[in-house]
Amino acid sequence: GSITGYLWTQEEGTPVWFEPESAVISFT
């Protein structure tokens, strides 16, 4: 097996914009 997908979700805090299906995410 290998990792084929990523899903990041912001659970708490002031909303920020990011790409949720990337292995590495960045935001301000």
PDB file of all heavy atoms in Angstrom:
ATOM      1  N   GLY A   1       0.802  -1.213   0.000  1.00  0.00           N
ATOM      2  CA  GLY A   1       0.000   0.000   0.000  1.00  0.00           C
ATOM      3  C   GLY A   1       0.836   1.264   0.000  1.00  0.00           C
ATOM      4  O   GLY A   1       2.022   1.245   0.301  1.00  0.00           O
ATOM      5  N   SER A   2       0.195   2.374  -0.330  1.00  0.00           N
ATOM      6  CA  SER A   2       0.842   3.683  -0.282  1.00  0.00           C
ATOM      7  C   SER A   2      -0.231   4.747  -0.078  1.00  0.00           C
ATOM      8  O   SER A   2      -1.404   4.525  -0.368  1.00  0.00           O
ATOM      9  CB  SER A   2       1.623   3.952  -1.565  1.00  0.00           C
ATOM     10  OG  SER A   2       0.751   3.938  -2.674  1.00  0.00           O
ATOM     11  N   ILE A   3       0.165   5.898   0.425  1.00  0.00           N
ATOM     12  CA  ILE A   3      -0.771   7.010   0.628  1.00  0.00           C
ATOM     13  C   ILE A   3      -1.092   7.614  -0.735  1.00  0.00           C
ATOM     14  O   ILE A   3      -0.190   7.976  -1.490  1.00  0.00           O
ATOM     15  CB  ILE A   3      -0.163   8.084   1.559  1.00  0.00           C
ATOM     16  CG1 ILE A   3       0.240   7.483   2.909  1.00  0.00           C
ATOM     17  CG2 ILE A   3      -1.132   9.254   1.734  1.00  0.00           C
ATOM     18  CD1 ILE A   3      -0.887   6.917   3.719  1.00  0.00           C
ATOM     19  N   THR A   4      -2.383   7.733  -1.038  1.00  0.00           N
ATOM     20  CA  THR A   4      -2.793   8.292  -2.329  1.00  0.00           C
ATOM     21  C   THR A   4      -3.600   9.578  -2.198  1.00  0.00           C
ATOM     22  O   THR A   4      -3.819  10.257  -3.193  1.00  0.00           O
ATOM     23  CB  THR A   4      -3.630   7.272  -3.121  1.00  0.00           C
ATOM     24  OG1 THR A   4      -4.774   6.905  -2.353  1.00  0.00           O
ATOM     25  CG2 THR A   4      -2.803   6.041  -3.457  1.00  0.00           C
ATOM     26  N   GLY A   5      -4.058   9.904  -0.996  1.00  0.00           N
ATOM     27  CA  GLY A   5      -4.847  11.114  -0.830  1.00  0.00           C
ATOM     28  C   GLY A   5      -4.723  11.708   0.559  1.00  0.00           C
ATOM     29  O   GLY A   5      -4.482  10.998   1.537  1.00  0.00           O
ATOM     30  N   TYR A   6      -4.884  13.035   0.623  1.00  0.00           N
ATOM     31  CA  TYR A   6      -4.804  13.796   1.867  1.00  0.00           C
ATOM     32  C   TYR A   6      -6.033  14.684   1.971  1.00  0.00           C
ATOM     33  O   TYR A   6      -6.489  15.220   0.964  1.00  0.00           O
ATOM     34  CB  TYR A   6      -3.563  14.696   1.879  1.00  0.00           C
ATOM     35  CG  TYR A   6      -2.263  13.935   1.812  1.00  0.00           C
ATOM     36  CD1 TYR A   6      -1.754  13.477   0.596  1.00  0.00           C
ATOM     37  CD2 TYR A   6      -1.540  13.658   2.964  1.00  0.00           C
ATOM     38  CE1 TYR A   6      -0.565  12.777   0.534  1.00  0.00           C
ATOM     39  CE2 TYR A   6      -0.342  12.960   2.912  1.00  0.00           C
ATOM     40  CZ  TYR A   6       0.133  12.524   1.686  1.00  0.00           C
ATOM     41  OH  TYR A   6       1.313  11.831   1.631  1.00  0.00           O
ATOM     42  N   LEU A   7      -6.562  14.841   3.183  1.00  0.00           N
ATOM     43  CA  LEU A   7      -7.677  15.756   3.393  1.00  0.00           C
ATOM     44  C   LEU A   7      -7.460  16.509   4.700  1.00  0.00           C
ATOM     45  O   LEU A   7      -7.557  15.928   5.793  1.00  0.00           O
ATOM     46  CB  LEU A   7      -9.023  15.039   3.424  1.00  0.00           C
ATOM     47  CG  LEU A   7     -10.228  15.954   3.636  1.00  0.00           C
ATOM     48  CD1 LEU A   7     -10.329  16.997   2.515  1.00  0.00           C
ATOM     49  CD2 LEU A   7     -11.505  15.155   3.745  1.00  0.00           C
ATOM     50  N   TRP A   8      -7.126  17.793   4.582  1.00  0.00           N
ATOM     51  CA  TRP A   8      -6.968  18.681   5.738  1.00  0.00           C
ATOM     52  C   TRP A   8      -8.293  19.397   5.987  1.00  0.00           C
ATOM     53  O   TRP A   8      -8.957  19.832   5.042  1.00  0.00           O
ATOM     54  CB  TRP A   8      -5.901  19.740   5.465  1.00  0.00           C
ATOM     55  CG  TRP A   8      -4.507  19.223   5.368  1.00  0.00           C
ATOM     56  CD1 TRP A   8      -3.856  18.825   4.235  1.00  0.00           C
ATOM     57  CD2 TRP A   8      -3.582  19.046   6.439  1.00  0.00           C
ATOM     58  NE1 TRP A   8      -2.585  18.421   4.538  1.00  0.00           N
ATOM     59  CE2 TRP A   8      -2.377  18.549   5.885  1.00  0.00           C
ATOM     60  CE3 TRP A   8      -3.643  19.252   7.815  1.00  0.00           C
ATOM     61  CZ2 TRP A   8      -1.258  18.272   6.658  1.00  0.00           C
ATOM     62  CZ3 TRP A   8      -2.526  18.983   8.583  1.00  0.00           C
ATOM     63  CH2 TRP A   8      -1.358  18.495   8.006  1.00  0.00           C
ATOM     64  N   THR A   9      -8.678  19.531   7.250  1.00  0.00           N
ATOM     65  CA  THR A   9      -9.895  20.242   7.637  1.00  0.00           C
ATOM     66  C   THR A   9      -9.558  21.175   8.786  1.00  0.00           C
ATOM     67  O   THR A   9      -8.911  20.761   9.747  1.00  0.00           O
ATOM     68  CB  THR A   9     -10.990  19.257   8.095  1.00  0.00           C
ATOM     69  OG1 THR A   9     -11.236  18.313   7.048  1.00  0.00           O
ATOM     70  CG2 THR A   9     -12.280  19.980   8.447  1.00  0.00           C
ATOM     71  N   GLN A  10      -9.993  22.436   8.682  1.00  0.00           N
ATOM     72  CA  GLN A  10      -9.808  23.353   9.808  1.00  0.00           C
ATOM     73  C   GLN A  10     -10.937  23.111  10.788  1.00  0.00           C
ATOM     74  O   GLN A  10     -12.104  23.269  10.461  1.00  0.00           O
ATOM     75  CB  GLN A  10      -9.787  24.808   9.355  1.00  0.00           C
ATOM     76  CG  GLN A  10      -9.483  25.745  10.512  1.00  0.00           C
ATOM     77  CD  GLN A  10      -9.302  27.185  10.104  1.00  0.00           C
ATOM     78  OE1 GLN A  10      -9.382  27.538   8.931  1.00  0.00           O
ATOM     79  NE2 GLN A  10      -9.053  28.036  11.086  1.00  0.00           N
ATOM     80  N   GLU A  11     -10.587  22.710  12.002  1.00  0.00           N
ATOM     81  CA  GLU A  11     -11.570  22.361  13.027  1.00  0.00           C
ATOM     82  C   GLU A  11     -11.936  23.542  13.915  1.00  0.00           C
ATOM     83  O   GLU A  11     -13.069  23.637  14.385  1.00  0.00           O
ATOM     84  CB  GLU A  11     -11.038  21.213  13.896  1.00  0.00           C
ATOM     85  CG  GLU A  11     -10.663  19.956  13.134  1.00  0.00           C
ATOM     86  CD  GLU A  11     -11.854  19.217  12.560  1.00  0.00           C
ATOM     87  OE1 GLU A  11     -13.000  19.506  12.928  1.00  0.00           O
ATOM     88  OE2 GLU A  11     -11.619  18.323  11.715  1.00  0.00           O
ATOM     89  N   GLU A  12     -10.974  24.420  14.208  1.00  0.00           N
ATOM     90  CA  GLU A  12     -11.201  25.555  15.118  1.00  0.00           C
ATOM     91  C   GLU A  12     -10.383  26.754  14.691  1.00  0.00           C
ATOM     92  O   GLU A  12      -9.360  26.619  14.028  1.00  0.00           O
ATOM     93  CB  GLU A  12     -10.789  25.182  16.552  1.00  0.00           C
ATOM     94  CG  GLU A  12     -11.632  24.140  17.221  1.00  0.00           C
ATOM     95  CD  GLU A  12     -11.162  23.869  18.642  1.00  0.00           C
ATOM     96  OE1 GLU A  12     -10.604  24.763  19.285  1.00  0.00           O
ATOM     97  OE2 GLU A  12     -11.344  22.732  19.095  1.00  0.00           O
ATOM     98  N   GLY A  13     -10.840  27.933  15.132  1.00  0.00           N
ATOM     99  CA  GLY A  13     -10.078  29.164  14.940  1.00  0.00           C
ATOM    100  C   GLY A  13     -10.597  30.029  13.814  1.00  0.00           C
ATOM    101  O   GLY A  13     -11.512  29.649  13.075  1.00  0.00           O
ATOM    102  N   THR A  14      -9.980  31.198  13.689  1.00  0.00           N
ATOM    103  CA  THR A  14     -10.315  32.137  12.629  1.00  0.00           C
ATOM    104  C   THR A  14     -10.082  31.459  11.276  1.00  0.00           C
ATOM    105  O   THR A  14      -9.005  30.913  11.046  1.00  0.00           O
ATOM    106  CB  THR A  14      -9.409  33.389  12.740  1.00  0.00           C
ATOM    107  OG1 THR A  14      -9.585  33.963  14.036  1.00  0.00           O
ATOM    108  CG2 THR A  14      -9.750  34.405  11.674  1.00  0.00           C
ATOM    109  N   PRO A  15     -11.092  31.455  10.399  1.00  0.00           N
ATOM    110  CA  PRO A  15     -10.934  30.751   9.115  1.00  0.00           C
ATOM    111  C   PRO A  15      -9.766  31.291   8.285  1.00  0.00           C
ATOM    112  O   PRO A  15      -9.551  32.500   8.202  1.00  0.00           O
ATOM    113  CB  PRO A  15     -12.263  31.011   8.404  1.00  0.00           C
ATOM    114  CG  PRO A  15     -13.229  31.319   9.497  1.00  0.00           C
ATOM    115  CD  PRO A  15     -12.425  32.022  10.551  1.00  0.00           C
ATOM    116  N   VAL A  16      -9.003  30.374   7.697  1.00  0.00           N
ATOM    117  CA  VAL A  16      -7.904  30.720   6.794  1.00  0.00           C
ATOM    118  C   VAL A  16      -8.085  29.935   5.505  1.00  0.00           C
ATOM    119  O   VAL A  16      -8.747  28.897   5.476  1.00  0.00           O
ATOM    120  CB  VAL A  16      -6.519  30.405   7.425  1.00  0.00           C
ATOM    121  CG1 VAL A  16      -6.293  31.269   8.663  1.00  0.00           C
ATOM    122  CG2 VAL A  16      -6.383  28.934   7.785  1.00  0.00           C
ATOM    123  N   TRP A  17      -7.487  30.429   4.403  1.00  0.00           N
ATOM    124  CA  TRP A  17      -7.610  29.752   3.119  1.00  0.00           C
ATOM    125  C   TRP A  17      -6.413  28.835   2.905  1.00  0.00           C
ATOM    126  O   TRP A  17      -5.266  29.205   3.145  1.00  0.00           O
ATOM    127  CB  TRP A  17      -7.692  30.757   1.979  1.00  0.00           C
ATOM    128  CG  TRP A  17      -7.959  30.065   0.684  1.00  0.00           C
ATOM    129  CD1 TRP A  17      -9.189  29.801   0.156  1.00  0.00           C
ATOM    130  CD2 TRP A  17      -7.006  29.495  -0.207  1.00  0.00           C
ATOM    131  NE1 TRP A  17      -9.050  29.098  -1.027  1.00  0.00           N
ATOM    132  CE2 TRP A  17      -7.710  28.900  -1.268  1.00  0.00           C
ATOM    133  CE3 TRP A  17      -5.627  29.430  -0.213  1.00  0.00           C
ATOM    134  CZ2 TRP A  17      -7.098  28.247  -2.332  1.00  0.00           C
ATOM    135  CZ3 TRP A  17      -5.000  28.769  -1.258  1.00  0.00           C
ATOM    136  CH2 TRP A  17      -5.734  28.202  -2.309  1.00  0.00           C
ATOM    137  N   PHE A  18      -6.690  27.611   2.439  1.00  0.00           N
ATOM    138  CA  PHE A  18      -5.638  26.638   2.124  1.00  0.00           C
ATOM    139  C   PHE A  18      -6.207  25.624   1.148  1.00  0.00           C
ATOM    140  O   PHE A  18      -7.415  25.535   0.955  1.00  0.00           O
ATOM    141  CB  PHE A  18      -5.124  25.943   3.401  1.00  0.00           C
ATOM    142  CG  PHE A  18      -6.193  25.189   4.146  1.00  0.00           C
ATOM    143  CD1 PHE A  18      -6.383  23.828   3.943  1.00  0.00           C
ATOM    144  CD2 PHE A  18      -7.038  25.841   5.043  1.00  0.00           C
ATOM    145  CE1 PHE A  18      -7.387  23.136   4.617  1.00  0.00           C
ATOM    146  CE2 PHE A  18      -8.039  25.150   5.718  1.00  0.00           C
ATOM    147  CZ  PHE A  18      -8.216  23.796   5.506  1.00  0.00           C
ATOM    148  N   GLU A  19      -5.336  24.845   0.515  1.00  0.00           N
ATOM    149  CA  GLU A  19      -5.738  23.791  -0.424  1.00  0.00           C
ATOM    150  C   GLU A  19      -5.897  22.495   0.368  1.00  0.00           C
ATOM    151  O   GLU A  19      -4.894  21.889   0.760  1.00  0.00           O
ATOM    152  CB  GLU A  19      -4.687  23.633  -1.520  1.00  0.00           C
ATOM    153  CG  GLU A  19      -4.990  22.535  -2.511  1.00  0.00           C
ATOM    154  CD  GLU A  19      -6.351  22.671  -3.181  1.00  0.00           C
ATOM    155  OE1 GLU A  19      -6.673  23.759  -3.691  1.00  0.00           O
ATOM    156  OE2 GLU A  19      -7.111  21.672  -3.168  1.00  0.00           O
ATOM    157  N   PRO A  20      -7.124  22.030   0.634  1.00  0.00           N
ATOM    158  CA  PRO A  20      -7.342  20.926   1.577  1.00  0.00           C
ATOM    159  C   PRO A  20      -6.872  19.545   1.130  1.00  0.00           C
ATOM    160  O   PRO A  20      -6.698  18.667   1.955  1.00  0.00           O
ATOM    161  CB  PRO A  20      -8.859  20.926   1.777  1.00  0.00           C
ATOM    162  CG  PRO A  20      -9.411  21.555   0.548  1.00  0.00           C
ATOM    163  CD  PRO A  20      -8.378  22.560   0.105  1.00  0.00           C
ATOM    164  N   GLU A  21      -6.641  19.344  -0.159  1.00  0.00           N
ATOM    165  CA  GLU A  21      -6.289  18.007  -0.632  1.00  0.00           C
ATOM    166  C   GLU A  21      -4.813  17.864  -0.998  1.00  0.00           C
ATOM    167  O   GLU A  21      -4.438  16.974  -1.746  1.00  0.00           O
ATOM    168  CB  GLU A  21      -7.181  17.626  -1.809  1.00  0.00           C
ATOM    169  CG  GLU A  21      -8.646  17.500  -1.396  1.00  0.00           C
ATOM    170  CD  GLU A  21      -9.563  17.110  -2.536  1.00  0.00           C
ATOM    171  OE1 GLU A  21      -9.083  16.834  -3.645  1.00  0.00           O
ATOM    172  OE2 GLU A  21     -10.784  17.080  -2.302  1.00  0.00           O
ATOM    173  N   SER A  22      -3.971  18.709  -0.437  1.00  0.00           N
ATOM    174  CA  SER A  22      -2.529  18.639  -0.673  1.00  0.00           C
ATOM    175  C   SER A  22      -1.841  17.977   0.511  1.00  0.00           C
ATOM    176  O   SER A  22      -2.315  18.060   1.639  1.00  0.00           O
ATOM    177  CB  SER A  22      -1.947  20.044  -0.852  1.00  0.00           C
ATOM    178  OG  SER A  22      -2.486  20.665  -1.987  1.00  0.00           O
ATOM    179  N   ALA A  23      -0.708  17.337   0.241  1.00  0.00           N
ATOM    180  CA  ALA A  23       0.073  16.728   1.322  1.00  0.00           C
ATOM    181  C   ALA A  23       0.633  17.799   2.244  1.00  0.00           C
ATOM    182  O   ALA A  23       0.693  17.628   3.460  1.00  0.00           O
ATOM    183  CB  ALA A  23       1.198  15.883   0.743  1.00  0.00           C
ATOM    184  N   VAL A  24       1.039  18.928   1.664  1.00  0.00           N
ATOM    185  CA  VAL A  24       1.597  20.054   2.412  1.00  0.00           C
ATOM    186  C   VAL A  24       0.705  21.260   2.137  1.00  0.00           C
ATOM    187  O   VAL A  24       0.432  21.580   0.977  1.00  0.00           O
ATOM    188  CB  VAL A  24       3.045  20.353   1.972  1.00  0.00           C
ATOM    189  CG1 VAL A  24       3.597  21.554   2.718  1.00  0.00           C
ATOM    190  CG2 VAL A  24       3.934  19.125   2.176  1.00  0.00           C
ATOM    191  N   ILE A  25       0.237  21.911   3.208  1.00  0.00           N
ATOM    192  CA  ILE A  25      -0.595  23.104   3.023  1.00  0.00           C
ATOM    193  C   ILE A  25       0.106  24.304   3.653  1.00  0.00           C
ATOM    194  O   ILE A  25       0.876  24.162   4.605  1.00  0.00           O
ATOM    195  CB  ILE A  25      -2.004  22.940   3.616  1.00  0.00           C
ATOM    196  CG1 ILE A  25      -1.966  22.745   5.137  1.00  0.00           C
ATOM    197  CG2 ILE A  25      -2.751  21.803   2.935  1.00  0.00           C
ATOM    198  CD1 ILE A  25      -3.336  22.824   5.809  1.00  0.00           C
ATOM    199  N   SER A  26      -0.177  25.487   3.115  1.00  0.00           N
ATOM    200  CA  SER A  26       0.345  26.743   3.661  1.00  0.00           C
ATOM    201  C   SER A  26      -0.776  27.758   3.704  1.00  0.00           C
ATOM    202  O   SER A  26      -1.680  27.736   2.858  1.00  0.00           O
ATOM    203  CB  SER A  26       1.483  27.284   2.794  1.00  0.00           C
ATOM    204  OG  SER A  26       2.592  26.426   2.846  1.00  0.00           O
ATOM    205  N   PHE A  27      -0.696  28.649   4.682  1.00  0.00           N
ATOM    206  CA  PHE A  27      -1.674  29.723   4.813  1.00  0.00           C
ATOM    207  C   PHE A  27      -1.050  30.858   5.599  1.00  0.00           C
ATOM    208  O   PHE A  27       0.003  30.688   6.226  1.00  0.00           O
ATOM    209  CB  PHE A  27      -2.963  29.238   5.479  1.00  0.00           C
ATOM    210  CG  PHE A  27      -2.750  28.635   6.841  1.00  0.00           C
ATOM    211  CD1 PHE A  27      -2.754  29.433   7.984  1.00  0.00           C
ATOM    212  CD2 PHE A  27      -2.537  27.273   6.988  1.00  0.00           C
ATOM    213  CE1 PHE A  27      -2.552  28.885   9.239  1.00  0.00           C
ATOM    214  CE2 PHE A  27      -2.326  26.705   8.235  1.00  0.00           C
ATOM    215  CZ  PHE A  27      -2.335  27.522   9.359  1.00  0.00           C
ATOM    216  N   THR A  28      -1.696  32.009   5.583  1.00  0.00           N
ATOM    217  CA  THR A  28      -1.229  33.172   6.334  1.00  0.00           C
ATOM    218  C   THR A  28      -1.936  33.205   7.681  1.00  0.00           C
ATOM    219  O   THR A  28      -3.161  33.126   7.745  1.00  0.00           O
ATOM    220  CB  THR A  28      -1.519  34.468   5.553  1.00  0.00           C
ATOM    221  OG1 THR A  28      -0.869  34.386   4.283  1.00  0.00           O
ATOM    222  CG2 THR A  28      -1.017  35.684   6.313  1.00  0.00           C
TER     223      THR A  28
END
